[in-house]
Amino acid sequence: MLIAVDWGTSSLRVARLDDAGRAIEEREFARGILTVPAGGFAQVFEQACGDWMRQPGALALICGMAGSRQGWMEAPYAACPAGLEALASGLTWIAPGRIAIVPGLALERDGIPDVIRGEETKAIGVLQASGASSATIVMPGTHCKWVRARHGRIESFATFMTGEFYALLRQHSILGRTMAEGPFDRDAFLRGLDHAGRSGNLLHAAFSARTLSLFERLPPQAGPSYLSGLLVGEELRSQRPGGHDSVILVGAEKLTLPYGAALDHLGLPCRTLGQEATWLGLHAIASHMGNPS
């Protein structure tokens, strides 16, 4: 029995998977790695899925920040490009034959490193779920990841601190003073998206969130959506997919909705997958495992 574990910074998700990689049972806990004291990972793991691990032949594969330097055990990064074989052969074993951590991926661009942990597994799962061998996979979040897959392998990726910049500007800059909470405003979002594309400079474009409010051309409740549009527009300005790429968004609806609206506005068709991609990715990695050393 395969037990899939997605252990991130703020949450812990576990699932028992069937032979096709679908979840038979899922559990979620607010026990991300930042909540676990030193030496406490084994205990939290036991509380989350110890009963499953006592089943004969149980194998747990863990992806995400549990493999970081602040996690349960550091899993060295594999080099990108990488496919299933590299991920499966690069597992870090906590308990040989029973519990292993999937490696993250690292690459260098112009002498600057970039890394992913957990998203490599999700990207592999996306390919499994979609049946595509090549795709542009977008994973919105605090740090949005753009993953380029070719012929079943992860060829490259790029990280954008879009969600974190949004939080900083919304909560700790003068822009937030003129904004009020409100539902997602598609028109305001697309207005910000278009302005980001025309401006070509986020440092300049961001000030428009203040001036539009100052001259009462943007309602306070629309401000957060406009700001989101500016930031996503800056992201898409450099990462706009081209050619015949299949674009796949992955994540919770709250996160993928704005990106779907942006891509649709730009005439780029996309599809959306949920968190099941992680389970499918871990199942695919398990299927390519050799004998643990």
C-alpha atoms as a PDB file:
ATOM      1  CA  MET A   1       0.000   0.000   0.000  1.00  0.00           C
ATOM      2  CA  LEU A   2       1.338   3.424  -0.970  1.00  0.00           C
ATOM      3  CA  ILE A   3       0.927   6.248   1.530  1.00  0.00           C
ATOM      4  CA  ALA A   4       1.388   9.627  -0.133  1.00  0.00           C
ATOM      5  CA  VAL A   5       2.563  12.556   1.986  1.00  0.00           C
ATOM      6  CA  ASP A   6       2.639  16.208   0.947  1.00  0.00           C
ATOM      7  CA  TRP A   7       4.441  18.003   3.775  1.00  0.00           C
ATOM      8  CA  GLY A   8       4.733  21.714   3.215  1.00  0.00           C
ATOM      9  CA  THR A   9       5.625  24.789   5.197  1.00  0.00           C
ATOM     10  CA  SER A  10       2.165  25.338   6.672  1.00  0.00           C
ATOM     11  CA  SER A  11       0.242  22.080   6.221  1.00  0.00           C
ATOM     12  CA  LEU A  12       0.545  18.309   6.153  1.00  0.00           C
ATOM     13  CA  ARG A  13      -1.592  16.223   3.789  1.00  0.00           C
ATOM     14  CA  VAL A  14      -1.595  12.429   3.684  1.00  0.00           C
ATOM     15  CA  ALA A  15      -3.504   9.884   1.609  1.00  0.00           C
ATOM     16  CA  ARG A  16      -3.843   6.157   1.083  1.00  0.00           C
ATOM     17  CA  LEU A  17      -3.701   5.466  -2.638  1.00  0.00           C
ATOM     18  CA  ASP A  18      -5.191   2.709  -4.754  1.00  0.00           C
ATOM     19  CA  ASP A  19      -3.340   0.963  -7.570  1.00  0.00           C
ATOM     20  CA  ALA A  20      -4.169   3.799  -9.987  1.00  0.00           C
ATOM     21  CA  GLY A  21      -2.853   6.554  -7.714  1.00  0.00           C
ATOM     22  CA  ARG A  22      -6.274   7.769  -6.580  1.00  0.00           C
ATOM     23  CA  ALA A  23      -6.907   8.637  -2.939  1.00  0.00           C
ATOM     24  CA  ILE A  24      -8.890   6.064  -0.977  1.00  0.00           C
ATOM     25  CA  GLU A  25      -8.733   8.215   2.132  1.00  0.00           C
ATOM     26  CA  GLU A  26      -7.231  11.641   2.797  1.00  0.00           C
ATOM     27  CA  ARG A  27      -6.306  13.554   5.947  1.00  0.00           C
ATOM     28  CA  GLU A  28      -5.072  17.109   6.422  1.00  0.00           C
ATOM     29  CA  PHE A  29      -3.403  18.733   9.422  1.00  0.00           C
ATOM     30  CA  ALA A  30      -2.123  22.210  10.267  1.00  0.00           C
ATOM     31  CA  ARG A  31       1.272  20.667  10.997  1.00  0.00           C
ATOM     32  CA  GLY A  32       3.554  22.154   8.393  1.00  0.00           C
ATOM     33  CA  ILE A  33       7.286  21.893   9.011  1.00  0.00           C
ATOM     34  CA  LEU A  34       7.383  25.263  10.770  1.00  0.00           C
ATOM     35  CA  THR A  35       5.158  23.869  13.550  1.00  0.00           C
ATOM     36  CA  VAL A  36       7.302  20.788  14.209  1.00  0.00           C
ATOM     37  CA  PRO A  37       9.981  21.072  16.904  1.00  0.00           C
ATOM     38  CA  ALA A  38      13.452  19.648  16.358  1.00  0.00           C
ATOM     39  CA  GLY A  39      13.306  15.873  16.535  1.00  0.00           C
ATOM     40  CA  GLY A  40       9.498  15.866  16.343  1.00  0.00           C
ATOM     41  CA  PHE A  41       8.890  14.803  12.751  1.00  0.00           C
ATOM     42  CA  ALA A  42       8.620  11.075  13.448  1.00  0.00           C
ATOM     43  CA  GLN A  43       5.993  11.706  16.121  1.00  0.00           C
ATOM     44  CA  VAL A  44       3.892  13.968  13.865  1.00  0.00           C
ATOM     45  CA  PHE A  45       4.151  11.427  11.051  1.00  0.00           C
ATOM     46  CA  GLU A  46       2.985   8.684  13.397  1.00  0.00           C
ATOM     47  CA  GLN A  47       0.021  10.764  14.518  1.00  0.00           C
ATOM     48  CA  ALA A  48      -0.937  11.531  10.911  1.00  0.00           C
ATOM     49  CA  CYS A  49      -0.731   8.066   9.374  1.00  0.00           C
ATOM     50  CA  GLY A  50       0.869   5.608  11.793  1.00  0.00           C
ATOM     51  CA  ASP A  51      -2.171   3.333  11.611  1.00  0.00           C
ATOM     52  CA  TRP A  52      -1.768   3.060   7.842  1.00  0.00           C
ATOM     53  CA  MET A  53       1.952   2.348   8.168  1.00  0.00           C
ATOM     54  CA  ARG A  54       1.208  -0.713  10.269  1.00  0.00           C
ATOM     55  CA  GLN A  55      -0.440  -2.393   7.286  1.00  0.00           C
ATOM     56  CA  PRO A  56       1.713  -5.122   5.627  1.00  0.00           C
ATOM     57  CA  GLY A  57       3.889  -3.762   2.829  1.00  0.00           C
ATOM     58  CA  ALA A  58       3.089  -0.108   3.530  1.00  0.00           C
ATOM     59  CA  LEU A  59       5.391   2.367   1.795  1.00  0.00           C
ATOM     60  CA  ALA A  60       5.336   6.121   2.448  1.00  0.00           C
ATOM     61  CA  LEU A  61       6.675   8.615  -0.090  1.00  0.00           C
ATOM     62  CA  ILE A  62       7.001  12.213   1.089  1.00  0.00           C
ATOM     63  CA  CYS A  63       7.349  15.296  -1.067  1.00  0.00           C
ATOM     64  CA  GLY A  64       7.666  18.958  -0.183  1.00  0.00           C
ATOM     65  CA  MET A  65       9.472  20.928   2.490  1.00  0.00           C
ATOM     66  CA  ALA A  66       9.931  17.905   4.755  1.00  0.00           C
ATOM     67  CA  GLY A  67      13.000  17.318   2.591  1.00  0.00           C
ATOM     68  CA  SER A  68      14.412  20.800   3.188  1.00  0.00           C
ATOM     69  CA  ARG A  69      17.221  21.709   5.557  1.00  0.00           C
ATOM     70  CA  GLN A  70      14.560  22.702   8.127  1.00  0.00           C
ATOM     71  CA  GLY A  71      12.559  19.505   7.579  1.00  0.00           C
ATOM     72  CA  TRP A  72      12.667  15.896   8.692  1.00  0.00           C
ATOM     73  CA  MET A  73      15.784  15.012   6.696  1.00  0.00           C
ATOM     74  CA  GLU A  74      17.472  16.982   3.957  1.00  0.00           C
ATOM     75  CA  ALA A  75      16.931  15.392   0.545  1.00  0.00           C
ATOM     76  CA  PRO A  76      19.593  16.660  -1.895  1.00  0.00           C
ATOM     77  CA  TYR A  77      18.320  18.404  -5.004  1.00  0.00           C
ATOM     78  CA  ALA A  78      18.426  16.499  -8.266  1.00  0.00           C
ATOM     79  CA  ALA A  79      19.648  18.366 -11.323  1.00  0.00           C
ATOM     80  CA  CYS A  80      17.123  19.663 -13.836  1.00  0.00           C
ATOM     81  CA  PRO A  81      16.274  18.495 -16.529  1.00  0.00           C
ATOM     82  CA  ALA A  82      14.929  15.414 -14.788  1.00  0.00           C
ATOM     83  CA  GLY A  83      12.282  12.762 -15.267  1.00  0.00           C
ATOM     84  CA  LEU A  84      10.720   9.993 -13.253  1.00  0.00           C
ATOM     85  CA  GLU A  85      13.877   7.904 -13.189  1.00  0.00           C
ATOM     86  CA  ALA A  86      15.956  10.704 -11.662  1.00  0.00           C
ATOM     87  CA  LEU A  87      13.352  11.390  -8.973  1.00  0.00           C
ATOM     88  CA  ALA A  88      12.906   7.716  -8.116  1.00  0.00           C
ATOM     89  CA  SER A  89      16.645   7.016  -7.980  1.00  0.00           C
ATOM     90  CA  GLY A  90      17.287  10.147  -5.910  1.00  0.00           C
ATOM     91  CA  LEU A  91      15.030   9.252  -2.978  1.00  0.00           C
ATOM     92  CA  THR A  92      16.371   9.910   0.512  1.00  0.00           C
ATOM     93  CA  TRP A  93      15.406   7.023   2.786  1.00  0.00           C
ATOM     94  CA  ILE A  94      14.382   7.701   6.370  1.00  0.00           C
ATOM     95  CA  ALA A  95      13.540   4.038   6.910  1.00  0.00           C
ATOM     96  CA  PRO A  96      14.817   1.886   4.019  1.00  0.00           C
ATOM     97  CA  GLY A  97      11.983   0.195   2.194  1.00  0.00           C
ATOM     98  CA  ARG A  98       9.338   2.032   4.232  1.00  0.00           C
ATOM     99  CA  ILE A  99       9.679   5.842   4.317  1.00  0.00           C
ATOM    100  CA  ALA A 100      11.438   8.016   1.723  1.00  0.00           C
ATOM    101  CA  ILE A 101      11.579  11.674   0.691  1.00  0.00           C
ATOM    102  CA  VAL A 102      11.441  12.750  -2.950  1.00  0.00           C
ATOM    103  CA  PRO A 103      14.285  15.088  -3.978  1.00  0.00           C
ATOM    104  CA  GLY A 104      13.587  18.622  -5.090  1.00  0.00           C
ATOM    105  CA  LEU A 105      15.066  19.966  -8.317  1.00  0.00           C
ATOM    106  CA  ALA A 106      17.674  22.664  -8.876  1.00  0.00           C
ATOM    107  CA  LEU A 107      18.870  24.527 -11.942  1.00  0.00           C
ATOM    108  CA  GLU A 108      21.024  27.542 -12.711  1.00  0.00           C
ATOM    109  CA  ARG A 109      20.165  30.355 -15.078  1.00  0.00           C
ATOM    110  CA  ASP A 110      22.834  32.994 -15.779  1.00  0.00           C
ATOM    111  CA  GLY A 111      24.738  31.816 -12.720  1.00  0.00           C
ATOM    112  CA  ILE A 112      21.727  32.151 -10.390  1.00  0.00           C
ATOM    113  CA  PRO A 113      20.215  28.994  -8.841  1.00  0.00           C
ATOM    114  CA  ASP A 114      16.499  28.264  -8.627  1.00  0.00           C
ATOM    115  CA  VAL A 115      14.846  25.399  -6.746  1.00  0.00           C
ATOM    116  CA  ILE A 116      11.557  23.577  -6.303  1.00  0.00           C
ATOM    117  CA  ARG A 117      10.418  21.139  -3.606  1.00  0.00           C
ATOM    118  CA  GLY A 118       7.107  19.350  -4.025  1.00  0.00           C
ATOM    119  CA  GLU A 119       6.262  21.025  -7.322  1.00  0.00           C
ATOM    120  CA  GLU A 120       8.386  18.487  -9.217  1.00  0.00           C
ATOM    121  CA  THR A 121       6.108  15.737  -7.921  1.00  0.00           C
ATOM    122  CA  LYS A 122       2.995  17.738  -8.758  1.00  0.00           C
ATOM    123  CA  ALA A 123       4.278  18.386 -12.290  1.00  0.00           C
ATOM    124  CA  ILE A 124       4.861  14.687 -12.876  1.00  0.00           C
ATOM    125  CA  GLY A 125       1.330  14.040 -11.624  1.00  0.00           C
ATOM    126  CA  VAL A 126      -0.057  16.648 -14.025  1.00  0.00           C
ATOM    127  CA  LEU A 127       1.502  14.819 -16.951  1.00  0.00           C
ATOM    128  CA  GLN A 128       0.005  11.556 -15.696  1.00  0.00           C
ATOM    129  CA  ALA A 129      -3.455  13.075 -15.267  1.00  0.00           C
ATOM    130  CA  SER A 130      -3.538  15.008 -18.533  1.00  0.00           C
ATOM    131  CA  GLY A 131      -1.946  12.396 -20.738  1.00  0.00           C
ATOM    132  CA  ALA A 132       0.306  15.127 -22.143  1.00  0.00           C
ATOM    133  CA  SER A 133       4.005  14.555 -22.561  1.00  0.00           C
ATOM    134  CA  SER A 134       4.753  18.268 -22.900  1.00  0.00           C
ATOM    135  CA  ALA A 135       3.104  21.209 -21.145  1.00  0.00           C
ATOM    136  CA  THR A 136       3.560  24.511 -19.371  1.00  0.00           C
ATOM    137  CA  ILE A 137       2.435  23.911 -15.798  1.00  0.00           C
ATOM    138  CA  VAL A 138       1.589  26.906 -13.606  1.00  0.00           C
ATOM    139  CA  MET A 139       1.324  26.465  -9.832  1.00  0.00           C
ATOM    140  CA  PRO A 140       0.089  29.702  -8.206  1.00  0.00           C
ATOM    141  CA  GLY A 141       0.855  30.416  -4.577  1.00  0.00           C
ATOM    142  CA  THR A 142       3.090  32.438  -2.296  1.00  0.00           C
ATOM    143  CA  HIS A 143       5.905  31.566  -4.683  1.00  0.00           C
ATOM    144  CA  CYS A 144       4.360  30.764  -8.058  1.00  0.00           C
ATOM    145  CA  LYS A 145       6.170  28.103 -10.065  1.00  0.00           C
ATOM    146  CA  TRP A 146       6.198  27.839 -13.849  1.00  0.00           C
ATOM    147  CA  VAL A 147       7.350  24.392 -14.952  1.00  0.00           C
ATOM    148  CA  ARG A 148       8.148  23.480 -18.564  1.00  0.00           C
ATOM    149  CA  ALA A 149       7.810  19.777 -19.293  1.00  0.00           C
ATOM    150  CA  ARG A 150       8.975  18.182 -22.529  1.00  0.00           C
ATOM    151  CA  HIS A 151       8.624  14.556 -23.522  1.00  0.00           C
ATOM    152  CA  GLY A 152       7.672  13.524 -20.004  1.00  0.00           C
ATOM    153  CA  ARG A 153      10.610  15.276 -18.324  1.00  0.00           C
ATOM    154  CA  ILE A 154      10.852  18.529 -16.402  1.00  0.00           C
ATOM    155  CA  GLU A 155      13.064  20.631 -18.656  1.00  0.00           C
ATOM    156  CA  SER A 156      13.072  23.918 -16.741  1.00  0.00           C
ATOM    157  CA  PHE A 157      11.197  25.981 -14.184  1.00  0.00           C
ATOM    158  CA  ALA A 158      11.063  29.497 -12.775  1.00  0.00           C
ATOM    159  CA  THR A 159       9.934  30.876  -9.417  1.00  0.00           C
ATOM    160  CA  PHE A 160       7.975  34.118  -9.001  1.00  0.00           C
ATOM    161  CA  MET A 161       7.345  35.640  -5.564  1.00  0.00           C
ATOM    162  CA  THR A 162       3.977  36.957  -6.740  1.00  0.00           C
ATOM    163  CA  GLY A 163       1.891  35.914  -3.743  1.00  0.00           C
ATOM    164  CA  GLU A 164       4.448  37.176  -1.251  1.00  0.00           C
ATOM    165  CA  PHE A 165       4.817  40.527  -3.021  1.00  0.00           C
ATOM    166  CA  TYR A 166       1.030  40.871  -3.046  1.00  0.00           C
ATOM    167  CA  ALA A 167       0.892  40.310   0.719  1.00  0.00           C
ATOM    168  CA  LEU A 168       3.706  42.785   1.345  1.00  0.00           C
ATOM    169  CA  LEU A 169       2.129  45.517  -0.787  1.00  0.00           C
ATOM    170  CA  ARG A 170      -1.370  44.837   0.531  1.00  0.00           C
ATOM    171  CA  GLN A 171      -0.404  44.786   4.206  1.00  0.00           C
ATOM    172  CA  HIS A 172       2.750  46.875   4.564  1.00  0.00           C
ATOM    173  CA  SER A 173       2.672  49.579   1.892  1.00  0.00           C
ATOM    174  CA  ILE A 174       0.688  52.749   1.343  1.00  0.00           C
ATOM    175  CA  LEU A 175      -1.261  50.957  -1.401  1.00  0.00           C
ATOM    176  CA  GLY A 176      -3.139  48.938   1.185  1.00  0.00           C
ATOM    177  CA  ARG A 177      -4.434  52.095   2.899  1.00  0.00           C
ATOM    178  CA  THR A 178      -6.897  52.723   0.061  1.00  0.00           C
ATOM    179  CA  MET A 179      -8.140  49.132  -0.255  1.00  0.00           C
ATOM    180  CA  ALA A 180     -11.002  47.246   1.365  1.00  0.00           C
ATOM    181  CA  GLU A 181     -11.853  43.564   1.464  1.00  0.00           C
ATOM    182  CA  GLY A 182     -14.094  42.397  -1.334  1.00  0.00           C
ATOM    183  CA  PRO A 183     -14.773  39.460  -3.661  1.00  0.00           C
ATOM    184  CA  PHE A 184     -12.646  38.811  -6.731  1.00  0.00           C
ATOM    185  CA  ASP A 185     -13.427  41.568  -9.234  1.00  0.00           C
ATOM    186  CA  ARG A 186     -12.649  40.225 -12.711  1.00  0.00           C
ATOM    187  CA  ASP A 187     -12.910  43.609 -14.434  1.00  0.00           C
ATOM    188  CA  ALA A 188     -10.551  45.296 -11.973  1.00  0.00           C
ATOM    189  CA  PHE A 189      -8.145  42.356 -12.174  1.00  0.00           C
ATOM    190  CA  LEU A 190      -8.015  42.509 -15.975  1.00  0.00           C
ATOM    191  CA  ARG A 191      -7.570  46.277 -15.820  1.00  0.00           C
ATOM    192  CA  GLY A 192      -4.467  45.747 -13.688  1.00  0.00           C
ATOM    193  CA  LEU A 193      -3.295  42.956 -15.978  1.00  0.00           C
ATOM    194  CA  ASP A 194      -3.520  45.173 -19.069  1.00  0.00           C
ATOM    195  CA  HIS A 195      -1.793  48.090 -17.356  1.00  0.00           C
ATOM    196  CA  ALA A 196       1.102  45.850 -16.308  1.00  0.00           C
ATOM    197  CA  GLY A 197       1.504  44.726 -19.916  1.00  0.00           C
ATOM    198  CA  ARG A 198       1.515  48.292 -21.232  1.00  0.00           C
ATOM    199  CA  SER A 199       3.781  49.689 -18.541  1.00  0.00           C
ATOM    200  CA  GLY A 200       6.482  47.065 -18.660  1.00  0.00           C
ATOM    201  CA  ASN A 201       7.723  48.248 -15.261  1.00  0.00           C
ATOM    202  CA  LEU A 202       6.089  47.025 -12.056  1.00  0.00           C
ATOM    203  CA  LEU A 203       7.759  49.668  -9.871  1.00  0.00           C
ATOM    204  CA  HIS A 204       6.003  52.326 -11.922  1.00  0.00           C
ATOM    205  CA  ALA A 205       2.755  50.448 -12.570  1.00  0.00           C
ATOM    206  CA  ALA A 206       2.178  49.620  -8.895  1.00  0.00           C
ATOM    207  CA  PHE A 207       1.692  53.297  -8.013  1.00  0.00           C
ATOM    208  CA  SER A 208      -1.416  53.339 -10.205  1.00  0.00           C
ATOM    209  CA  ALA A 209      -3.219  51.372  -7.480  1.00  0.00           C
ATOM    210  CA  ARG A 210      -2.905  54.496  -5.328  1.00  0.00           C
ATOM    211  CA  THR A 211      -3.602  57.162  -7.941  1.00  0.00           C
ATOM    212  CA  LEU A 212      -6.696  55.445  -9.349  1.00  0.00           C
ATOM    213  CA  SER A 213      -8.093  55.340  -5.836  1.00  0.00           C
ATOM    214  CA  LEU A 214      -6.994  58.917  -5.116  1.00  0.00           C
ATOM    215  CA  PHE A 215      -8.994  60.172  -8.109  1.00  0.00           C
ATOM    216  CA  GLU A 216     -11.906  57.839  -7.263  1.00  0.00           C
ATOM    217  CA  ARG A 217     -11.541  55.782 -10.435  1.00  0.00           C
ATOM    218  CA  LEU A 218     -11.160  52.516  -8.530  1.00  0.00           C
ATOM    219  CA  PRO A 219     -13.514  51.493  -5.686  1.00  0.00           C
ATOM    220  CA  PRO A 220     -11.776  50.382  -2.472  1.00  0.00           C
ATOM    221  CA  GLN A 221     -13.256  46.858  -2.763  1.00  0.00           C
ATOM    222  CA  ALA A 222     -11.777  46.505  -6.273  1.00  0.00           C
ATOM    223  CA  GLY A 223      -8.289  47.531  -5.173  1.00  0.00           C
ATOM    224  CA  PRO A 224      -7.042  44.074  -4.134  1.00  0.00           C
ATOM    225  CA  SER A 225      -8.130  42.550  -7.473  1.00  0.00           C
ATOM    226  CA  TYR A 226      -6.490  45.392  -9.401  1.00  0.00           C
ATOM    227  CA  LEU A 227      -3.238  44.907  -7.477  1.00  0.00           C
ATOM    228  CA  SER A 228      -3.400  41.163  -8.114  1.00  0.00           C
ATOM    229  CA  GLY A 229      -3.818  41.885 -11.819  1.00  0.00           C
ATOM    230  CA  LEU A 230      -0.739  44.117 -11.833  1.00  0.00           C
ATOM    231  CA  LEU A 231       1.400  41.396 -10.258  1.00  0.00           C
ATOM    232  CA  VAL A 232       0.088  38.503 -12.342  1.00  0.00           C
ATOM    233  CA  GLY A 233       0.470  40.713 -15.417  1.00  0.00           C
ATOM    234  CA  GLU A 234       4.131  41.284 -14.579  1.00  0.00           C
ATOM    235  CA  GLU A 235       4.580  37.538 -14.211  1.00  0.00           C
ATOM    236  CA  LEU A 236       2.886  36.769 -17.537  1.00  0.00           C
ATOM    237  CA  ARG A 237       4.880  39.471 -19.308  1.00  0.00           C
ATOM    238  CA  SER A 238       8.008  37.351 -18.936  1.00  0.00           C
ATOM    239  CA  GLN A 239       6.479  33.898 -18.893  1.00  0.00           C
ATOM    240  CA  ARG A 240       3.758  34.100 -21.518  1.00  0.00           C
ATOM    241  CA  PRO A 241       3.475  30.623 -23.084  1.00  0.00           C
ATOM    242  CA  GLY A 242       3.964  30.366 -26.798  1.00  0.00           C
ATOM    243  CA  GLY A 243       3.847  27.857 -29.593  1.00  0.00           C
ATOM    244  CA  HIS A 244       1.674  24.827 -29.070  1.00  0.00           C
ATOM    245  CA  ASP A 245       2.182  24.547 -25.318  1.00  0.00           C
ATOM    246  CA  SER A 246      -0.640  23.031 -23.332  1.00  0.00           C
ATOM    247  CA  VAL A 247      -1.095  25.299 -20.298  1.00  0.00           C
ATOM    248  CA  ILE A 248      -2.252  23.588 -17.112  1.00  0.00           C
ATOM    249  CA  LEU A 249      -3.026  25.385 -13.849  1.00  0.00           C
ATOM    250  CA  VAL A 250      -2.690  23.420 -10.629  1.00  0.00           C
ATOM    251  CA  GLY A 251      -4.023  24.300  -7.198  1.00  0.00           C
ATOM    252  CA  ALA A 252      -7.029  25.411  -5.193  1.00  0.00           C
ATOM    253  CA  GLU A 253      -9.700  27.378  -7.061  1.00  0.00           C
ATOM    254  CA  LYS A 254      -9.007  30.581  -5.116  1.00  0.00           C
ATOM    255  CA  LEU A 255      -5.451  30.583  -6.483  1.00  0.00           C
ATOM    256  CA  THR A 256      -6.066  29.360 -10.023  1.00  0.00           C
ATOM    257  CA  LEU A 257      -9.120  31.546 -10.750  1.00  0.00           C
ATOM    258  CA  PRO A 258      -7.180  34.787 -11.413  1.00  0.00           C
ATOM    259  CA  TYR A 259      -4.604  33.009 -13.579  1.00  0.00           C
ATOM    260  CA  GLY A 260      -7.367  31.343 -15.584  1.00  0.00           C
ATOM    261  CA  ALA A 261      -9.000  34.735 -16.123  1.00  0.00           C
ATOM    262  CA  ALA A 262      -5.662  36.228 -17.226  1.00  0.00           C
ATOM    263  CA  LEU A 263      -4.855  33.457 -19.690  1.00  0.00           C
ATOM    264  CA  ASP A 264      -8.375  33.544 -21.120  1.00  0.00           C
ATOM    265  CA  HIS A 265      -8.105  37.328 -21.543  1.00  0.00           C
ATOM    266  CA  LEU A 266      -4.835  36.859 -23.439  1.00  0.00           C
ATOM    267  CA  GLY A 267      -6.373  34.205 -25.699  1.00  0.00           C
ATOM    268  CA  LEU A 268      -4.366  31.332 -24.203  1.00  0.00           C
ATOM    269  CA  PRO A 269      -6.503  28.238 -23.513  1.00  0.00           C
ATOM    270  CA  CYS A 270      -5.764  26.370 -20.293  1.00  0.00           C
ATOM    271  CA  ARG A 271      -7.170  23.670 -18.066  1.00  0.00           C
ATOM    272  CA  THR A 272      -7.139  23.313 -14.290  1.00  0.00           C
ATOM    273  CA  LEU A 273      -6.272  20.404 -12.018  1.00  0.00           C
ATOM    274  CA  GLY A 274      -6.592  20.149  -8.251  1.00  0.00           C
ATOM    275  CA  GLN A 275      -4.396  18.750  -5.520  1.00  0.00           C
ATOM    276  CA  GLU A 276      -4.856  15.190  -6.806  1.00  0.00           C
ATOM    277  CA  ALA A 277      -1.857  15.855  -9.059  1.00  0.00           C
ATOM    278  CA  THR A 278       0.479  15.349  -6.091  1.00  0.00           C
ATOM    279  CA  TRP A 279      -0.925  11.897  -5.362  1.00  0.00           C
ATOM    280  CA  LEU A 280      -0.593  10.865  -9.011  1.00  0.00           C
ATOM    281  CA  GLY A 281       2.992  12.125  -9.042  1.00  0.00           C
ATOM    282  CA  LEU A 282       3.983  10.155  -5.941  1.00  0.00           C
ATOM    283  CA  HIS A 283       2.301   7.067  -7.379  1.00  0.00           C
ATOM    284  CA  ALA A 284       4.261   7.441 -10.627  1.00  0.00           C
ATOM    285  CA  ILE A 285       7.555   7.847  -8.727  1.00  0.00           C
ATOM    286  CA  ALA A 286       6.801   4.751  -6.640  1.00  0.00           C
ATOM    287  CA  SER A 287       6.157   2.808  -9.839  1.00  0.00           C
ATOM    288  CA  HIS A 288       9.674   3.658 -11.060  1.00  0.00           C
ATOM    289  CA  MET A 289      11.488   2.755  -7.845  1.00  0.00           C
ATOM    290  CA  GLY A 290      14.248   0.191  -7.731  1.00  0.00           C
ATOM    291  CA  ASN A 291      15.308  -1.611  -4.579  1.00  0.00           C
ATOM    292  CA  PRO A 292      16.039   0.865  -1.754  1.00  0.00           C
ATOM    293  CA  SER A 293      19.594   0.832  -0.466  1.00  0.00           C
END
